[in-house]
N, C-alpha and C. Protein backbone atom coordinates (compact mmCIF):
# COMPACT_ATOMS: atom_id res chain seq x y z
N MET A 1 -61.05 13.87 199.18
CA MET A 1 -60.48 14.81 198.45
C MET A 1 -61.39 16.43 198.86
N GLU A 2 -60.81 17.54 199.20
CA GLU A 2 -61.76 18.68 199.61
C GLU A 2 -62.08 19.49 198.52
N LEU A 3 -63.24 19.24 198.12
CA LEU A 3 -63.96 19.95 197.19
C LEU A 3 -64.09 21.37 197.12
N ASN A 4 -64.30 21.86 198.12
CA ASN A 4 -64.70 23.23 198.61
C ASN A 4 -63.44 24.00 198.95
N LYS A 5 -62.10 23.65 198.94
CA LYS A 5 -61.09 24.25 199.33
C LYS A 5 -61.03 25.75 199.22
N ARG A 6 -61.69 26.53 198.10
CA ARG A 6 -61.45 27.89 198.03
C ARG A 6 -62.51 28.53 198.40
N SER A 7 -64.03 27.59 198.12
CA SER A 7 -65.17 28.74 198.66
C SER A 7 -65.40 28.51 200.34
N LYS A 8 -64.75 27.57 200.78
CA LYS A 8 -64.97 27.66 202.45
C LYS A 8 -64.34 28.82 202.95
N VAL A 9 -63.39 29.59 202.40
CA VAL A 9 -63.43 30.79 203.20
C VAL A 9 -64.44 31.88 203.13
N VAL A 10 -65.48 31.42 202.49
CA VAL A 10 -66.70 32.71 202.36
C VAL A 10 -68.06 31.77 202.96
N THR A 11 -67.52 30.26 203.22
CA THR A 11 -68.78 29.56 203.83
C THR A 11 -68.80 28.90 204.90
N GLN A 12 -67.55 29.20 205.77
CA GLN A 12 -67.33 28.33 206.98
C GLN A 12 -67.04 29.33 208.21
N GLY A 13 -67.45 28.99 209.42
CA GLY A 13 -67.23 29.58 210.41
C GLY A 13 -67.87 30.87 211.02
N VAL A 14 -67.91 30.90 212.14
CA VAL A 14 -68.99 32.04 212.89
C VAL A 14 -69.05 33.18 211.92
N GLN A 15 -67.65 33.93 211.71
CA GLN A 15 -67.38 35.05 210.74
C GLN A 15 -67.75 35.41 209.66
N ARG A 16 -68.27 33.91 209.08
CA ARG A 16 -68.99 34.31 207.68
C ARG A 16 -70.27 34.07 207.73
N SER A 17 -70.93 34.49 208.85
CA SER A 17 -72.48 34.33 208.87
C SER A 17 -73.12 35.39 208.26
N PRO A 18 -72.68 36.55 207.88
CA PRO A 18 -72.74 37.64 206.97
C PRO A 18 -73.21 37.07 205.52
N ASN A 19 -71.86 36.32 205.19
CA ASN A 19 -71.27 35.97 203.82
C ASN A 19 -72.54 34.66 203.51
N ARG A 20 -72.93 33.87 204.77
CA ARG A 20 -73.97 32.62 204.29
C ARG A 20 -75.45 33.45 204.00
N ALA A 21 -75.58 34.56 204.76
CA ALA A 21 -76.78 35.29 204.71
C ALA A 21 -77.00 35.83 203.16
N MET A 22 -75.92 36.19 202.82
CA MET A 22 -76.15 36.54 201.38
C MET A 22 -76.47 35.46 200.44
N LEU A 23 -75.61 34.29 200.50
CA LEU A 23 -75.82 32.85 199.81
C LEU A 23 -76.93 32.55 200.08
N ARG A 24 -77.77 32.50 201.33
CA ARG A 24 -78.81 32.13 201.50
C ARG A 24 -79.88 32.85 200.17
N ALA A 25 -79.86 33.89 200.14
CA ALA A 25 -80.41 34.56 199.51
C ALA A 25 -80.47 34.37 197.90
N VAL A 26 -79.38 33.51 197.36
CA VAL A 26 -79.45 33.08 196.16
C VAL A 26 -79.53 31.58 196.03
N GLY A 27 -80.33 31.23 196.95
CA GLY A 27 -80.86 29.77 196.98
C GLY A 27 -80.25 28.39 197.65
N PHE A 28 -78.94 28.86 198.75
CA PHE A 28 -78.14 28.04 199.50
C PHE A 28 -79.23 27.93 200.53
N GLY A 29 -79.00 26.46 200.90
CA GLY A 29 -79.55 26.30 202.11
C GLY A 29 -78.53 25.54 203.35
N ASP A 30 -79.03 25.14 204.25
CA ASP A 30 -78.07 24.71 205.53
C ASP A 30 -77.10 23.66 205.14
N ASP A 31 -77.42 22.82 204.33
CA ASP A 31 -76.50 21.87 203.66
C ASP A 31 -75.80 21.96 202.65
N ASP A 32 -76.24 22.66 202.17
CA ASP A 32 -75.24 23.51 200.69
C ASP A 32 -73.73 24.13 201.18
N PHE A 33 -73.45 24.59 202.20
CA PHE A 33 -72.42 25.28 202.46
C PHE A 33 -71.21 24.75 202.55
N THR A 34 -71.01 23.36 202.41
CA THR A 34 -70.10 22.30 202.31
C THR A 34 -69.54 22.04 201.03
N LYS A 35 -70.72 22.33 200.27
CA LYS A 35 -70.60 21.75 199.00
C LYS A 35 -69.79 22.90 198.26
N PRO A 36 -69.16 22.17 196.96
CA PRO A 36 -67.99 22.96 196.04
C PRO A 36 -68.83 24.00 195.26
N ILE A 37 -68.68 25.30 195.05
CA ILE A 37 -69.09 26.35 194.40
C ILE A 37 -68.59 26.13 192.94
N VAL A 38 -69.56 26.41 192.02
CA VAL A 38 -68.73 26.20 190.58
C VAL A 38 -69.55 27.27 189.87
N GLY A 39 -68.92 28.05 189.20
CA GLY A 39 -69.25 29.23 188.56
C GLY A 39 -69.72 28.54 187.08
N ILE A 40 -70.91 29.21 186.79
CA ILE A 40 -71.29 29.02 185.42
C ILE A 40 -71.00 30.38 184.57
N ALA A 41 -70.17 30.51 183.64
CA ALA A 41 -69.78 31.61 182.77
C ALA A 41 -70.63 31.70 181.96
N ASN A 42 -71.80 32.15 181.47
CA ASN A 42 -72.68 32.26 180.73
C ASN A 42 -72.41 33.75 179.44
N GLY A 43 -72.14 32.87 178.41
CA GLY A 43 -71.89 33.98 177.30
C GLY A 43 -73.06 34.38 176.57
N TYR A 44 -74.36 34.46 176.89
CA TYR A 44 -75.47 34.37 176.49
C TYR A 44 -75.82 35.97 175.88
N SER A 45 -76.13 36.26 175.05
CA SER A 45 -76.48 37.58 174.55
C SER A 45 -77.47 37.52 173.34
N THR A 46 -78.50 38.62 173.08
CA THR A 46 -79.07 38.87 171.87
C THR A 46 -78.34 39.80 171.05
N ILE A 47 -77.13 40.08 171.03
CA ILE A 47 -76.35 41.20 170.47
C ILE A 47 -76.04 40.50 168.95
N THR A 48 -75.82 39.35 169.17
CA THR A 48 -75.24 38.45 168.03
C THR A 48 -76.02 37.02 167.85
N PRO A 49 -76.03 36.53 166.72
CA PRO A 49 -76.37 35.37 166.58
C PRO A 49 -75.69 34.11 167.37
N CYS A 50 -74.55 34.28 167.43
CA CYS A 50 -73.35 33.78 167.82
C CYS A 50 -73.49 32.87 169.15
N ASN A 51 -74.17 34.18 169.91
CA ASN A 51 -74.51 33.81 171.61
C ASN A 51 -75.63 33.54 171.97
N MET A 52 -76.85 34.09 170.93
CA MET A 52 -78.17 33.57 171.20
C MET A 52 -78.88 32.72 171.70
N GLY A 53 -78.26 31.25 171.66
CA GLY A 53 -78.79 29.61 171.69
C GLY A 53 -78.07 29.45 173.34
N LEU A 54 -77.06 30.22 173.90
CA LEU A 54 -76.29 29.55 174.71
C LEU A 54 -77.18 29.61 176.30
N ASN A 55 -78.34 30.52 176.31
CA ASN A 55 -78.83 30.44 177.69
C ASN A 55 -79.33 29.04 177.97
N ASP A 56 -79.96 28.36 177.01
CA ASP A 56 -80.43 26.73 177.61
C ASP A 56 -79.36 26.16 177.79
N LEU A 57 -78.00 26.22 177.33
CA LEU A 57 -77.10 25.30 177.74
C LEU A 57 -76.65 25.64 178.84
N ALA A 58 -76.61 26.98 179.37
CA ALA A 58 -76.17 27.18 180.58
C ALA A 58 -77.28 26.70 181.74
N VAL A 59 -78.51 27.03 181.72
CA VAL A 59 -79.61 26.22 182.56
C VAL A 59 -79.37 24.82 182.46
N ARG A 60 -79.11 24.25 181.69
CA ARG A 60 -78.73 22.73 181.91
C ARG A 60 -77.48 22.45 182.33
N ALA A 61 -76.30 23.20 182.46
CA ALA A 61 -75.15 22.75 182.97
C ALA A 61 -75.22 23.36 184.50
N GLU A 62 -76.05 24.12 184.75
CA GLU A 62 -76.48 24.52 186.11
C GLU A 62 -77.29 23.38 186.88
N ALA A 63 -78.24 22.83 185.96
CA ALA A 63 -78.85 21.51 186.81
C ALA A 63 -78.21 20.42 186.92
N GLY A 64 -77.10 20.34 185.93
CA GLY A 64 -76.29 19.13 185.87
C GLY A 64 -75.21 19.38 186.99
N ALA A 65 -74.72 20.53 187.01
CA ALA A 65 -73.82 21.19 188.29
C ALA A 65 -74.35 20.45 189.85
N ARG A 66 -75.61 21.18 189.67
CA ARG A 66 -76.47 20.79 190.84
C ARG A 66 -76.74 19.04 191.33
N ALA A 67 -76.88 18.77 190.38
CA ALA A 67 -77.42 17.05 190.36
C ALA A 67 -75.71 16.20 191.03
N ALA A 68 -74.90 16.94 190.43
CA ALA A 68 -73.37 16.45 190.74
C ALA A 68 -73.27 16.70 192.29
N GLY A 69 -74.07 17.22 192.94
CA GLY A 69 -73.42 17.84 194.46
C GLY A 69 -72.79 18.82 194.44
N ALA A 70 -72.72 19.98 193.64
CA ALA A 70 -72.35 21.09 193.64
C ALA A 70 -73.32 22.49 193.91
N MET A 71 -72.77 23.49 194.07
CA MET A 71 -73.83 25.01 194.16
C MET A 71 -73.30 25.92 193.15
N PRO A 72 -74.01 25.58 191.82
CA PRO A 72 -73.88 26.30 190.64
C PRO A 72 -73.99 27.86 191.02
N GLN A 73 -73.19 29.02 190.58
CA GLN A 73 -73.54 30.34 190.63
C GLN A 73 -73.24 30.65 189.28
N MET A 74 -74.43 31.59 188.47
CA MET A 74 -74.19 31.58 187.19
C MET A 74 -73.66 33.26 187.08
N PHE A 75 -73.36 33.50 186.21
CA PHE A 75 -72.89 35.40 185.65
C PHE A 75 -72.54 34.93 184.37
N GLY A 76 -72.67 36.13 183.61
CA GLY A 76 -72.85 36.55 182.24
C GLY A 76 -71.46 37.25 182.13
N THR A 77 -71.19 37.25 180.76
CA THR A 77 -70.04 37.85 180.03
C THR A 77 -70.56 38.96 179.00
N ILE A 78 -69.79 39.73 178.39
CA ILE A 78 -69.97 40.79 177.47
C ILE A 78 -69.51 40.05 176.06
N THR A 79 -70.28 40.61 174.94
CA THR A 79 -69.68 40.21 173.84
C THR A 79 -69.50 41.01 172.88
N VAL A 80 -68.76 41.29 171.37
CA VAL A 80 -68.95 42.14 170.36
C VAL A 80 -68.83 41.30 169.26
N SER A 81 -69.86 41.68 168.55
CA SER A 81 -70.16 40.96 166.89
C SER A 81 -69.32 41.38 165.67
N ASP A 82 -68.21 40.79 165.53
CA ASP A 82 -67.40 41.58 164.24
C ASP A 82 -68.17 41.50 163.08
N GLY A 83 -69.47 40.44 162.86
CA GLY A 83 -70.45 40.49 161.61
C GLY A 83 -70.91 41.86 161.79
N ILE A 84 -71.58 42.36 162.73
CA ILE A 84 -72.16 43.44 162.99
C ILE A 84 -71.28 44.67 163.12
N SER A 85 -70.70 44.80 163.41
CA SER A 85 -69.81 46.11 163.92
C SER A 85 -68.87 46.20 162.45
N MET A 86 -68.24 45.06 161.84
CA MET A 86 -67.67 45.55 160.59
C MET A 86 -68.05 46.45 159.74
N GLY A 87 -66.57 47.19 159.61
CA GLY A 87 -66.71 48.08 158.94
C GLY A 87 -66.74 49.96 159.50
N THR A 88 -67.16 49.68 161.21
CA THR A 88 -67.39 50.68 161.59
C THR A 88 -66.38 50.86 163.03
N GLU A 89 -66.74 51.69 163.73
CA GLU A 89 -65.37 52.23 164.64
C GLU A 89 -65.74 51.09 165.77
N GLY A 90 -66.91 50.13 165.98
CA GLY A 90 -67.05 49.01 166.70
C GLY A 90 -66.00 48.10 166.72
N MET A 91 -65.29 48.08 165.51
CA MET A 91 -64.29 46.84 165.46
C MET A 91 -62.94 47.05 166.13
N LYS A 92 -62.70 48.36 166.49
CA LYS A 92 -61.72 48.48 167.40
C LYS A 92 -61.87 47.96 168.87
N TYR A 93 -63.23 47.56 169.07
CA TYR A 93 -63.13 46.93 170.59
C TYR A 93 -63.23 45.50 170.08
N SER A 94 -63.19 45.13 169.12
CA SER A 94 -63.45 43.41 168.75
C SER A 94 -62.23 42.59 169.55
N LEU A 95 -61.11 42.58 169.22
CA LEU A 95 -60.13 42.25 170.03
C LEU A 95 -59.89 42.30 171.56
N VAL A 96 -59.94 43.46 171.68
CA VAL A 96 -60.18 43.95 173.06
C VAL A 96 -60.91 43.42 173.86
N SER A 97 -62.19 43.00 173.37
CA SER A 97 -63.19 42.51 174.09
C SER A 97 -62.91 40.72 174.69
N ARG A 98 -61.49 40.21 173.88
CA ARG A 98 -61.48 38.72 174.81
C ARG A 98 -60.81 39.11 175.89
N GLU A 99 -59.86 40.15 176.23
CA GLU A 99 -59.43 40.22 177.44
C GLU A 99 -60.19 40.79 178.59
N VAL A 100 -61.37 41.54 177.96
CA VAL A 100 -62.30 41.85 178.72
C VAL A 100 -63.25 40.65 179.07
N ILE A 101 -63.51 39.97 178.61
CA ILE A 101 -64.17 38.66 178.77
C ILE A 101 -63.30 37.66 179.98
N ALA A 102 -62.03 37.53 179.72
CA ALA A 102 -61.25 37.07 180.35
C ALA A 102 -61.23 37.57 182.14
N ASP A 103 -61.03 38.59 181.98
CA ASP A 103 -61.13 39.43 183.19
C ASP A 103 -62.55 39.56 184.03
N ALA A 104 -63.56 39.69 183.24
CA ALA A 104 -64.79 39.45 183.98
C ALA A 104 -64.94 38.07 184.50
N ILE A 105 -64.64 36.84 183.56
CA ILE A 105 -64.41 35.49 184.33
C ILE A 105 -63.71 35.36 185.71
N GLU A 106 -62.54 35.94 185.41
CA GLU A 106 -61.72 35.67 186.49
C GLU A 106 -62.02 36.71 187.92
N THR A 107 -62.42 37.72 187.39
CA THR A 107 -63.09 38.36 188.34
C THR A 107 -63.92 37.92 189.18
N ALA A 108 -65.04 37.47 188.56
CA ALA A 108 -66.31 36.87 189.10
C ALA A 108 -66.00 35.57 190.18
N CYS A 109 -64.92 34.57 189.48
CA CYS A 109 -64.71 33.26 189.92
C CYS A 109 -63.74 33.54 191.17
N ASN A 110 -62.67 34.27 191.05
CA ASN A 110 -61.69 34.77 192.32
C ASN A 110 -62.33 35.44 193.14
N GLY A 111 -63.10 36.82 192.84
CA GLY A 111 -63.73 37.60 193.86
C GLY A 111 -64.92 36.73 194.68
N GLN A 112 -65.35 35.60 194.02
CA GLN A 112 -66.30 34.73 194.95
C GLN A 112 -65.58 33.57 195.28
N SER A 113 -64.49 33.43 195.24
CA SER A 113 -63.98 32.49 195.62
C SER A 113 -64.47 30.98 195.56
N MET A 114 -64.65 31.02 193.80
CA MET A 114 -65.50 29.40 192.90
C MET A 114 -64.30 28.34 193.13
N ASP A 115 -64.63 27.23 193.31
CA ASP A 115 -63.89 26.19 193.30
C ASP A 115 -63.45 25.80 192.05
N GLY A 116 -64.55 26.13 190.76
CA GLY A 116 -64.12 25.67 189.69
C GLY A 116 -65.01 26.36 188.44
N VAL A 117 -64.82 26.52 187.30
CA VAL A 117 -65.88 27.26 186.41
C VAL A 117 -66.33 26.06 185.16
N LEU A 118 -67.50 26.46 184.94
CA LEU A 118 -67.68 25.93 183.62
C LEU A 118 -68.23 27.26 182.58
N ALA A 119 -67.63 27.72 181.51
CA ALA A 119 -67.84 28.79 180.69
C ALA A 119 -68.71 28.12 179.74
N ILE A 120 -69.56 28.40 179.09
CA ILE A 120 -70.13 28.44 177.69
C ILE A 120 -70.16 29.88 176.68
N GLY A 121 -69.71 29.38 175.42
CA GLY A 121 -69.49 30.43 174.65
C GLY A 121 -69.79 29.96 173.22
N GLY A 122 -69.96 30.95 172.35
CA GLY A 122 -70.08 30.76 171.02
C GLY A 122 -69.56 31.90 170.05
N CYS A 123 -68.49 32.27 170.19
CA CYS A 123 -67.96 33.33 169.02
C CYS A 123 -66.22 33.10 169.44
N ASP A 124 -65.66 33.63 168.48
CA ASP A 124 -64.38 33.43 168.47
C ASP A 124 -64.04 35.12 169.48
N LYS A 125 -64.52 35.48 170.32
CA LYS A 125 -64.30 36.62 171.33
C LYS A 125 -64.54 35.53 172.60
N ASN A 126 -65.62 35.10 173.31
CA ASN A 126 -65.62 34.37 174.50
C ASN A 126 -64.97 33.07 174.42
N MET A 127 -64.73 32.61 173.21
CA MET A 127 -64.09 31.32 173.43
C MET A 127 -62.68 31.32 173.87
N PRO A 128 -61.75 32.03 173.13
CA PRO A 128 -60.78 32.54 173.53
C PRO A 128 -60.57 33.14 175.10
N GLY A 129 -61.33 33.99 175.03
CA GLY A 129 -61.56 34.84 176.33
C GLY A 129 -61.76 33.64 177.82
N ALA A 130 -62.67 32.95 177.33
CA ALA A 130 -62.93 31.72 178.80
C ALA A 130 -61.60 30.93 178.82
N MET A 131 -61.05 30.36 177.55
CA MET A 131 -59.62 29.58 177.87
C MET A 131 -58.36 30.33 178.66
N ILE A 132 -58.61 31.60 178.56
CA ILE A 132 -57.34 32.74 179.01
C ILE A 132 -57.80 32.87 180.36
N ALA A 133 -59.12 32.87 180.52
CA ALA A 133 -59.26 33.26 182.37
C ALA A 133 -59.08 31.86 182.80
N ILE A 134 -59.55 30.68 182.17
CA ILE A 134 -59.57 29.30 182.99
C ILE A 134 -58.38 29.14 182.92
N ALA A 135 -56.91 29.68 182.27
CA ALA A 135 -55.38 29.22 182.27
C ALA A 135 -55.16 30.22 183.29
N ARG A 136 -55.63 31.35 183.46
CA ARG A 136 -54.90 32.12 184.57
C ARG A 136 -55.30 31.82 185.79
N MET A 137 -56.45 31.24 186.16
CA MET A 137 -56.61 30.91 187.72
C MET A 137 -56.45 29.48 187.82
N ASN A 138 -56.12 28.81 187.25
CA ASN A 138 -55.64 27.59 187.30
C ASN A 138 -56.44 26.83 188.62
N ILE A 139 -57.99 26.79 188.27
CA ILE A 139 -58.67 26.15 188.92
C ILE A 139 -59.37 25.05 187.65
N PRO A 140 -60.18 24.25 188.46
CA PRO A 140 -61.05 22.94 187.42
C PRO A 140 -61.88 23.93 186.61
N GLY A 141 -62.00 23.58 185.38
CA GLY A 141 -62.48 24.41 184.29
C GLY A 141 -62.90 23.46 183.13
N ILE A 142 -64.07 24.03 182.55
CA ILE A 142 -64.81 23.22 181.54
C ILE A 142 -65.27 23.95 180.63
N PHE A 143 -65.03 24.07 179.32
CA PHE A 143 -65.54 25.30 178.59
C PHE A 143 -66.63 24.22 177.32
N VAL A 144 -67.75 24.70 177.23
CA VAL A 144 -68.90 24.03 176.31
C VAL A 144 -68.87 24.88 174.97
N TYR A 145 -69.13 24.63 173.91
CA TYR A 145 -69.19 25.45 172.82
C TYR A 145 -70.52 25.15 172.01
N GLY A 146 -71.17 26.44 172.00
CA GLY A 146 -72.25 26.16 171.84
C GLY A 146 -73.13 25.80 170.71
N GLY A 147 -72.40 25.45 169.67
CA GLY A 147 -72.85 24.91 168.33
C GLY A 147 -72.87 25.98 167.24
N THR A 148 -72.63 25.69 166.23
CA THR A 148 -72.70 26.09 165.00
C THR A 148 -73.86 26.67 164.17
N ILE A 149 -73.86 27.66 163.80
CA ILE A 149 -75.44 28.06 162.77
C ILE A 149 -75.62 27.18 161.82
N LYS A 150 -76.73 27.19 161.80
CA LYS A 150 -76.85 26.34 160.61
C LYS A 150 -76.97 27.05 159.20
N PRO A 151 -76.76 26.58 158.14
CA PRO A 151 -76.35 27.31 157.00
C PRO A 151 -77.76 28.15 156.46
N GLY A 152 -77.57 29.38 155.90
CA GLY A 152 -78.92 29.64 155.15
C GLY A 152 -79.23 28.89 154.04
N ASN A 153 -80.21 29.16 153.05
CA ASN A 153 -80.29 28.90 151.71
C ASN A 153 -81.10 29.81 151.05
N TYR A 154 -80.58 29.84 149.60
CA TYR A 154 -81.06 30.93 148.70
C TYR A 154 -81.09 30.49 147.34
N GLU A 155 -82.15 29.95 146.72
CA GLU A 155 -82.44 29.38 145.54
C GLU A 155 -81.43 28.48 145.53
N GLY A 156 -81.69 27.41 146.27
CA GLY A 156 -80.87 26.04 146.27
C GLY A 156 -79.39 25.98 146.67
N ARG A 157 -78.43 27.29 146.86
CA ARG A 157 -77.28 27.64 147.43
C ARG A 157 -77.59 27.47 148.69
N ASP A 158 -76.46 26.85 149.64
CA ASP A 158 -76.19 27.02 151.08
C ASP A 158 -75.40 28.43 151.23
N LEU A 159 -75.77 28.90 152.09
CA LEU A 159 -75.27 30.33 152.60
C LEU A 159 -74.55 30.52 153.73
N THR A 160 -73.98 31.48 153.95
CA THR A 160 -73.20 31.61 155.56
C THR A 160 -73.11 33.39 155.42
N VAL A 161 -72.91 34.13 156.67
CA VAL A 161 -72.73 35.21 156.63
C VAL A 161 -71.77 35.82 155.44
N VAL A 162 -70.74 35.07 155.44
CA VAL A 162 -69.65 35.44 154.32
C VAL A 162 -70.31 35.56 152.76
N SER A 163 -71.37 34.77 152.51
CA SER A 163 -71.94 35.00 151.37
C SER A 163 -72.52 36.14 151.34
N ALA A 164 -73.06 36.86 152.11
CA ALA A 164 -73.72 38.21 152.53
C ALA A 164 -72.52 39.36 151.99
N PHE A 165 -71.50 39.12 152.63
CA PHE A 165 -70.17 39.83 151.97
C PHE A 165 -69.64 39.84 150.64
N GLU A 166 -69.98 38.66 150.35
CA GLU A 166 -69.61 38.33 148.75
C GLU A 166 -70.58 39.18 147.91
N ALA A 167 -71.61 39.12 148.37
CA ALA A 167 -72.89 39.46 147.46
C ALA A 167 -72.79 40.80 147.50
N VAL A 168 -72.37 41.60 148.30
CA VAL A 168 -72.20 42.90 148.28
C VAL A 168 -71.18 43.43 147.13
N GLY A 169 -69.95 42.49 147.29
CA GLY A 169 -69.09 42.47 146.28
C GLY A 169 -69.50 42.27 144.55
N ALA A 170 -70.41 41.30 144.89
CA ALA A 170 -70.86 41.09 143.51
C ALA A 170 -71.86 41.96 142.83
N TYR A 171 -72.68 42.74 144.04
CA TYR A 171 -73.57 43.47 143.47
C TYR A 171 -72.50 44.94 142.78
N SER A 172 -71.67 45.29 143.53
CA SER A 172 -70.96 46.29 143.37
C SER A 172 -70.23 46.08 142.23
N GLY A 173 -69.80 44.86 141.60
CA GLY A 173 -69.06 44.74 140.38
C GLY A 173 -70.21 44.29 139.27
N GLY A 174 -71.33 44.66 139.68
CA GLY A 174 -72.61 44.49 138.43
C GLY A 174 -72.89 43.31 138.05
N LYS A 175 -72.42 42.12 139.06
CA LYS A 175 -72.92 40.99 138.57
C LYS A 175 -74.12 40.25 139.13
N ILE A 176 -74.52 40.73 140.19
CA ILE A 176 -75.95 40.42 140.50
C ILE A 176 -76.74 41.67 140.72
N ASP A 177 -77.90 41.69 140.44
CA ASP A 177 -78.96 42.90 140.70
C ASP A 177 -79.25 42.73 142.42
N LEU A 178 -79.87 44.16 142.44
CA LEU A 178 -80.33 44.17 144.12
C LEU A 178 -81.14 42.94 144.59
N ALA A 179 -82.52 42.89 143.74
CA ALA A 179 -82.83 41.57 144.23
C ALA A 179 -82.26 40.37 144.82
N GLU A 180 -81.16 39.98 144.17
CA GLU A 180 -80.33 38.72 144.36
C GLU A 180 -79.83 39.06 145.85
N LEU A 181 -79.23 40.50 145.81
CA LEU A 181 -78.38 40.82 146.79
C LEU A 181 -79.25 40.70 148.33
N THR A 182 -80.42 41.29 148.15
CA THR A 182 -81.70 41.10 149.02
C THR A 182 -82.06 39.87 149.74
N GLY A 183 -81.82 38.69 148.54
CA GLY A 183 -82.53 37.63 148.72
C GLY A 183 -81.18 37.05 149.59
N VAL A 184 -79.99 37.22 149.44
CA VAL A 184 -78.99 36.47 150.04
C VAL A 184 -79.30 37.16 151.60
N GLU A 185 -79.09 38.42 151.76
CA GLU A 185 -79.08 39.21 153.22
C GLU A 185 -80.30 38.37 153.91
N GLN A 186 -81.59 38.25 153.20
CA GLN A 186 -82.70 37.72 154.21
C GLN A 186 -82.49 36.33 154.62
N ASN A 187 -81.85 35.34 153.83
CA ASN A 187 -81.41 34.14 154.51
C ASN A 187 -80.40 33.63 154.82
N ALA A 188 -79.12 34.18 154.70
CA ALA A 188 -77.86 34.29 154.98
C ALA A 188 -77.89 33.52 156.57
N CYS A 189 -78.38 33.80 157.47
CA CYS A 189 -78.34 33.79 159.08
C CYS A 189 -79.81 33.31 159.57
N PRO A 190 -80.16 31.90 159.48
CA PRO A 190 -81.45 31.55 159.83
C PRO A 190 -81.60 31.73 161.07
N GLY A 191 -80.86 31.84 161.81
CA GLY A 191 -81.22 31.38 163.10
C GLY A 191 -79.70 31.80 164.24
N ALA A 192 -79.82 31.04 165.56
CA ALA A 192 -79.15 30.94 166.61
C ALA A 192 -77.57 30.13 166.25
N GLY A 193 -76.56 30.69 166.88
CA GLY A 193 -75.34 30.39 166.43
C GLY A 193 -74.07 30.75 165.99
N PRO A 194 -72.89 30.11 166.41
CA PRO A 194 -71.82 31.11 165.72
C PRO A 194 -71.69 30.87 164.40
N VAL A 195 -71.23 32.09 163.64
CA VAL A 195 -71.10 32.13 162.26
C VAL A 195 -69.62 32.38 161.64
N GLY A 196 -68.59 32.36 162.50
CA GLY A 196 -67.36 32.12 162.49
C GLY A 196 -66.87 32.80 161.39
N ALA A 197 -66.92 32.20 160.39
CA ALA A 197 -66.38 32.63 158.83
C ALA A 197 -66.23 34.25 158.56
N CYS A 198 -67.16 34.78 159.35
CA CYS A 198 -67.37 36.15 158.91
C CYS A 198 -66.16 36.93 159.14
N LEU A 199 -65.30 36.02 159.96
CA LEU A 199 -63.68 37.00 160.03
C LEU A 199 -62.83 36.65 158.95
N GLN A 200 -63.46 36.00 158.16
CA GLN A 200 -62.28 35.74 156.84
C GLN A 200 -62.52 36.67 155.71
N LEU A 201 -61.52 37.98 155.84
CA LEU A 201 -62.04 39.33 155.04
C LEU A 201 -61.51 38.79 153.71
N ILE A 202 -60.83 38.26 153.63
CA ILE A 202 -60.12 38.41 152.10
C ILE A 202 -61.41 37.44 151.18
N PRO A 203 -61.85 36.33 151.35
CA PRO A 203 -62.84 35.87 150.56
C PRO A 203 -64.36 36.54 150.84
N CYS A 204 -64.60 37.07 151.70
CA CYS A 204 -65.61 38.25 151.71
C CYS A 204 -65.60 39.18 150.75
N LEU A 205 -64.32 39.76 150.16
CA LEU A 205 -64.31 40.54 149.17
C LEU A 205 -64.14 39.97 147.72
N ARG A 206 -64.16 38.57 147.87
CA ARG A 206 -64.14 38.23 146.73
C ARG A 206 -65.43 37.61 145.96
N PRO A 207 -66.17 37.95 144.82
CA PRO A 207 -67.23 37.57 144.40
C PRO A 207 -67.34 35.95 143.96
N LEU A 208 -68.37 35.30 144.86
CA LEU A 208 -68.57 33.83 144.30
C LEU A 208 -68.80 33.69 142.80
N LYS A 209 -67.76 32.43 142.53
CA LYS A 209 -67.63 32.12 141.24
C LYS A 209 -69.15 31.94 140.59
N GLN A 210 -70.13 31.32 141.48
CA GLN A 210 -71.51 31.16 140.86
C GLN A 210 -71.82 32.45 140.35
N TRP A 211 -71.87 33.38 140.67
CA TRP A 211 -71.91 34.95 140.27
C TRP A 211 -71.28 35.50 139.06
N GLY A 212 -70.24 34.66 138.53
CA GLY A 212 -69.49 34.89 137.52
C GLY A 212 -68.02 35.63 137.80
């Protein structure tokens, strides 16, 4: 089975000597030009905790692809955080960003004649964006989910970012004081990982029962 069916157009033949020269600069050796080129679409960024932990997975995926006999090529994608842009003009870019992500992955894979792609994401932008790209390109593709954020904890209660939205409602309604609102804010998102539920606007606007 020919695994480098697409990438051979840039790696094979005398006319592709300049192409190979460029690939040598990123780590290709003489024996690598017949290997399939697999894109690693890395959704890593520090813009949001949802994607903050993805680079470690991307590096491991890169090593795994290389160990399996492929030549991995890593590239990045953009992201927008609903939880951070909520209530601002930034929300106008949120859903649009899915198509931008899909376009970015498709552009990199098709522009570089990659034989397959492994996409790594962790939010409701790059997850559907990556799947849209994989479907459109019709090349072998795998999506890896980066894992969910651990719950925060405040005074014995498990928290998510939704808790912070709800705490704002509770504070505005006079059900909690500023100290409790601040405590929830400081503990709701303890580290890396998708928060997901931040898009559930209705519960975000409803104060928690435990606050009355």
